[in-house]
Amino acid sequence: MSRVAVMSIIVEARDSADALNSILSEYGEYIIGRMGVPYKEKGISIISVALDAPQDSISALSGKIGKLPGVSVKTAYSSVITDD
């Protein structure tokens, strides 16, 4: 079973960017699309990631990202659940 979700990520520690990109690459098969906006005036980056993945994979991805220093993540789920 798969769910559609969007993950909002705020990167305050630029040093975590490489690790974040590596984690996102691990889950690339589930990523529908991704948009990143650098907010230079505040020294942060805002990233939005749309996913279609099993609940466990979304939770695992969010957990890994949330452990990165200087990185915040929140996930919103749609009510769309499919048998994939």
N, C-alpha and C. Protein backbone atom coordinates (compact mmCIF):
# COMPACT_ATOMS: atom_id res chain seq x y z
N MET A 1 0.84 -1.18 0.00
CA MET A 1 0.00 0.00 0.00
C MET A 1 0.88 1.24 0.00
N SER A 2 0.41 2.23 -0.71
CA SER A 2 1.21 3.43 -0.89
C SER A 2 0.36 4.66 -0.57
N ARG A 3 1.04 5.69 -0.08
CA ARG A 3 0.37 6.95 0.27
C ARG A 3 1.03 8.09 -0.47
N VAL A 4 0.24 9.12 -0.69
CA VAL A 4 0.77 10.36 -1.28
C VAL A 4 0.97 11.33 -0.14
N ALA A 5 2.14 11.97 -0.12
CA ALA A 5 2.47 12.90 0.96
C ALA A 5 3.38 14.00 0.43
N VAL A 6 3.46 15.07 1.18
CA VAL A 6 4.42 16.13 0.88
C VAL A 6 5.24 16.39 2.14
N MET A 7 6.54 16.48 1.95
CA MET A 7 7.47 16.70 3.05
C MET A 7 8.03 18.11 2.91
N SER A 8 7.95 18.88 3.99
CA SER A 8 8.52 20.22 4.02
C SER A 8 9.79 20.18 4.85
N ILE A 9 10.88 20.65 4.26
CA ILE A 9 12.19 20.58 4.91
C ILE A 9 12.79 21.97 4.96
N ILE A 10 13.28 22.36 6.13
CA ILE A 10 14.00 23.63 6.28
C ILE A 10 15.42 23.30 6.71
N VAL A 11 16.38 23.78 5.91
CA VAL A 11 17.79 23.53 6.18
C VAL A 11 18.42 24.82 6.70
N GLU A 12 18.81 24.81 7.96
CA GLU A 12 19.46 25.96 8.57
C GLU A 12 20.97 25.78 8.63
N ALA A 13 21.43 24.52 8.58
CA ALA A 13 22.86 24.20 8.63
C ALA A 13 23.30 23.73 7.26
N ARG A 14 23.97 24.59 6.54
CA ARG A 14 24.41 24.27 5.18
C ARG A 14 25.30 23.01 5.14
N ASP A 15 25.98 22.74 6.24
CA ASP A 15 26.85 21.56 6.32
C ASP A 15 26.07 20.25 6.18
N SER A 16 24.76 20.28 6.41
CA SER A 16 23.94 19.07 6.32
C SER A 16 23.39 18.83 4.92
N ALA A 17 23.65 19.74 3.99
CA ALA A 17 23.06 19.64 2.64
C ALA A 17 23.49 18.37 1.90
N ASP A 18 24.75 18.01 1.97
CA ASP A 18 25.23 16.81 1.27
C ASP A 18 24.58 15.54 1.83
N ALA A 19 24.50 15.47 3.16
CA ALA A 19 23.87 14.30 3.78
C ALA A 19 22.39 14.24 3.43
N LEU A 20 21.72 15.39 3.40
CA LEU A 20 20.30 15.44 3.03
C LEU A 20 20.10 14.95 1.61
N ASN A 21 20.91 15.44 0.68
CA ASN A 21 20.78 15.01 -0.72
C ASN A 21 21.04 13.52 -0.87
N SER A 22 21.96 12.99 -0.09
CA SER A 22 22.26 11.56 -0.14
C SER A 22 21.05 10.75 0.34
N ILE A 23 20.42 11.18 1.42
CA ILE A 23 19.25 10.49 1.94
C ILE A 23 18.10 10.55 0.94
N LEU A 24 17.87 11.72 0.36
CA LEU A 24 16.81 11.86 -0.64
C LEU A 24 17.06 10.96 -1.85
N SER A 25 18.32 10.82 -2.23
CA SER A 25 18.67 9.94 -3.36
C SER A 25 18.33 8.48 -3.05
N GLU A 26 18.52 8.07 -1.79
CA GLU A 26 18.18 6.69 -1.38
C GLU A 26 16.70 6.39 -1.63
N TYR A 27 15.86 7.41 -1.50
CA TYR A 27 14.42 7.25 -1.63
C TYR A 27 13.90 7.80 -2.96
N GLY A 28 14.79 7.98 -3.90
CA GLY A 28 14.45 8.58 -5.19
C GLY A 28 13.32 7.88 -5.94
N GLU A 29 13.19 6.58 -5.77
CA GLU A 29 12.13 5.84 -6.47
C GLU A 29 10.74 6.27 -6.03
N TYR A 30 10.63 6.89 -4.86
CA TYR A 30 9.33 7.31 -4.34
C TYR A 30 9.04 8.79 -4.56
N ILE A 31 10.04 9.54 -4.99
CA ILE A 31 9.88 11.00 -5.12
C ILE A 31 9.20 11.34 -6.44
N ILE A 32 8.05 12.01 -6.33
CA ILE A 32 7.32 12.47 -7.51
C ILE A 32 7.97 13.73 -8.04
N GLY A 33 8.33 14.63 -7.14
CA GLY A 33 8.96 15.88 -7.52
C GLY A 33 9.51 16.59 -6.30
N ARG A 34 10.39 17.55 -6.57
CA ARG A 34 11.05 18.24 -5.47
C ARG A 34 11.34 19.66 -5.90
N MET A 35 11.18 20.60 -4.97
CA MET A 35 11.46 22.00 -5.25
C MET A 35 12.26 22.57 -4.09
N GLY A 36 13.34 23.23 -4.41
CA GLY A 36 14.16 23.85 -3.38
C GLY A 36 14.26 25.35 -3.62
N VAL A 37 14.13 26.12 -2.55
CA VAL A 37 14.20 27.58 -2.64
C VAL A 37 15.25 28.07 -1.64
N PRO A 38 16.36 28.60 -2.13
CA PRO A 38 17.33 29.18 -1.19
C PRO A 38 16.83 30.56 -0.74
N TYR A 39 16.84 30.79 0.55
CA TYR A 39 16.44 32.09 1.10
C TYR A 39 17.70 32.73 1.64
N LYS A 40 18.46 33.33 0.73
CA LYS A 40 19.79 33.85 1.05
C LYS A 40 19.79 34.89 2.16
N GLU A 41 18.76 35.74 2.19
CA GLU A 41 18.70 36.79 3.20
C GLU A 41 18.65 36.22 4.62
N LYS A 42 18.08 35.04 4.76
CA LYS A 42 17.97 34.40 6.08
C LYS A 42 19.00 33.28 6.26
N GLY A 43 19.72 32.93 5.20
CA GLY A 43 20.73 31.89 5.28
C GLY A 43 20.16 30.48 5.44
N ILE A 44 18.96 30.26 4.89
CA ILE A 44 18.34 28.93 4.98
C ILE A 44 17.88 28.48 3.59
N SER A 45 17.53 27.22 3.49
CA SER A 45 16.92 26.67 2.28
C SER A 45 15.61 26.00 2.66
N ILE A 46 14.63 26.15 1.78
CA ILE A 46 13.31 25.55 2.00
C ILE A 46 13.08 24.55 0.87
N ILE A 47 12.80 23.31 1.24
CA ILE A 47 12.64 22.25 0.25
C ILE A 47 11.29 21.58 0.44
N SER A 48 10.61 21.34 -0.66
CA SER A 48 9.34 20.63 -0.65
C SER A 48 9.50 19.37 -1.50
N VAL A 49 9.12 18.22 -0.95
CA VAL A 49 9.27 16.95 -1.65
C VAL A 49 7.92 16.24 -1.70
N ALA A 50 7.43 15.95 -2.90
CA ALA A 50 6.18 15.20 -3.07
C ALA A 50 6.53 13.72 -3.22
N LEU A 51 5.82 12.87 -2.49
CA LEU A 51 6.12 11.44 -2.45
C LEU A 51 4.89 10.59 -2.72
N ASP A 52 5.13 9.42 -3.27
CA ASP A 52 4.13 8.36 -3.38
C ASP A 52 4.86 7.10 -2.93
N ALA A 53 4.62 6.69 -1.69
CA ALA A 53 5.45 5.64 -1.10
C ALA A 53 4.68 4.91 0.00
N PRO A 54 5.18 3.73 0.39
CA PRO A 54 4.59 3.05 1.54
C PRO A 54 4.76 3.90 2.80
N GLN A 55 3.80 3.82 3.70
CA GLN A 55 3.84 4.60 4.94
C GLN A 55 5.16 4.42 5.68
N ASP A 56 5.65 3.20 5.77
CA ASP A 56 6.90 2.93 6.48
C ASP A 56 8.08 3.65 5.85
N SER A 57 8.11 3.72 4.53
CA SER A 57 9.21 4.40 3.84
C SER A 57 9.16 5.90 4.07
N ILE A 58 7.96 6.47 4.07
CA ILE A 58 7.82 7.91 4.33
C ILE A 58 8.28 8.22 5.74
N SER A 59 7.87 7.40 6.70
CA SER A 59 8.27 7.61 8.09
C SER A 59 9.78 7.45 8.26
N ALA A 60 10.36 6.46 7.61
CA ALA A 60 11.81 6.24 7.71
C ALA A 60 12.57 7.41 7.11
N LEU A 61 12.12 7.90 5.97
CA LEU A 61 12.77 9.05 5.33
C LEU A 61 12.68 10.27 6.24
N SER A 62 11.52 10.54 6.77
CA SER A 62 11.34 11.68 7.66
C SER A 62 12.23 11.56 8.90
N GLY A 63 12.32 10.37 9.45
CA GLY A 63 13.16 10.14 10.63
C GLY A 63 14.62 10.38 10.35
N LYS A 64 15.11 9.89 9.22
CA LYS A 64 16.52 10.09 8.86
C LYS A 64 16.83 11.57 8.66
N ILE A 65 15.92 12.27 7.98
CA ILE A 65 16.13 13.69 7.72
C ILE A 65 16.08 14.47 9.04
N GLY A 66 15.15 14.12 9.91
CA GLY A 66 15.00 14.81 11.18
C GLY A 66 16.19 14.68 12.11
N LYS A 67 17.02 13.66 11.90
CA LYS A 67 18.21 13.46 12.73
C LYS A 67 19.39 14.33 12.29
N LEU A 68 19.29 14.92 11.11
CA LEU A 68 20.39 15.75 10.62
C LEU A 68 20.46 17.04 11.42
N PRO A 69 21.65 17.47 11.79
CA PRO A 69 21.78 18.71 12.55
C PRO A 69 21.36 19.92 11.71
N GLY A 70 20.56 20.79 12.30
CA GLY A 70 20.15 22.01 11.62
C GLY A 70 19.12 21.82 10.54
N VAL A 71 18.41 20.67 10.57
CA VAL A 71 17.39 20.38 9.56
C VAL A 71 16.07 20.05 10.26
N SER A 72 14.99 20.71 9.82
CA SER A 72 13.65 20.44 10.35
C SER A 72 12.80 19.84 9.25
N VAL A 73 11.91 18.92 9.60
CA VAL A 73 11.05 18.28 8.60
C VAL A 73 9.65 18.04 9.18
N LYS A 74 8.66 18.27 8.35
CA LYS A 74 7.27 17.98 8.68
C LYS A 74 6.64 17.32 7.46
N THR A 75 5.74 16.37 7.69
CA THR A 75 5.10 15.65 6.60
C THR A 75 3.59 15.77 6.70
N ALA A 76 2.97 16.07 5.56
CA ALA A 76 1.51 16.10 5.46
C ALA A 76 1.08 14.97 4.52
N TYR A 77 0.08 14.21 4.94
CA TYR A 77 -0.39 13.05 4.18
C TYR A 77 -1.73 13.34 3.54
N SER A 78 -1.91 12.85 2.32
CA SER A 78 -3.23 12.92 1.70
C SER A 78 -4.02 11.70 2.15
N SER A 79 -5.30 11.71 1.89
CA SER A 79 -6.12 10.55 2.26
C SER A 79 -6.08 9.48 1.16
N VAL A 80 -5.32 9.73 0.10
CA VAL A 80 -5.22 8.78 -1.02
C VAL A 80 -4.28 7.64 -0.63
N ILE A 81 -4.82 6.43 -0.56
CA ILE A 81 -4.05 5.22 -0.28
C ILE A 81 -4.34 4.24 -1.39
N THR A 82 -3.29 3.71 -2.04
CA THR A 82 -3.48 2.78 -3.14
C THR A 82 -2.76 1.47 -2.89
N ASP A 83 -3.23 0.42 -3.52
CA ASP A 83 -2.57 -0.89 -3.45
C ASP A 83 -1.60 -0.98 -4.61
N ASP A 84 -0.33 -0.71 -4.31
CA ASP A 84 0.71 -0.78 -5.36
C ASP A 84 1.62 -1.93 -5.15
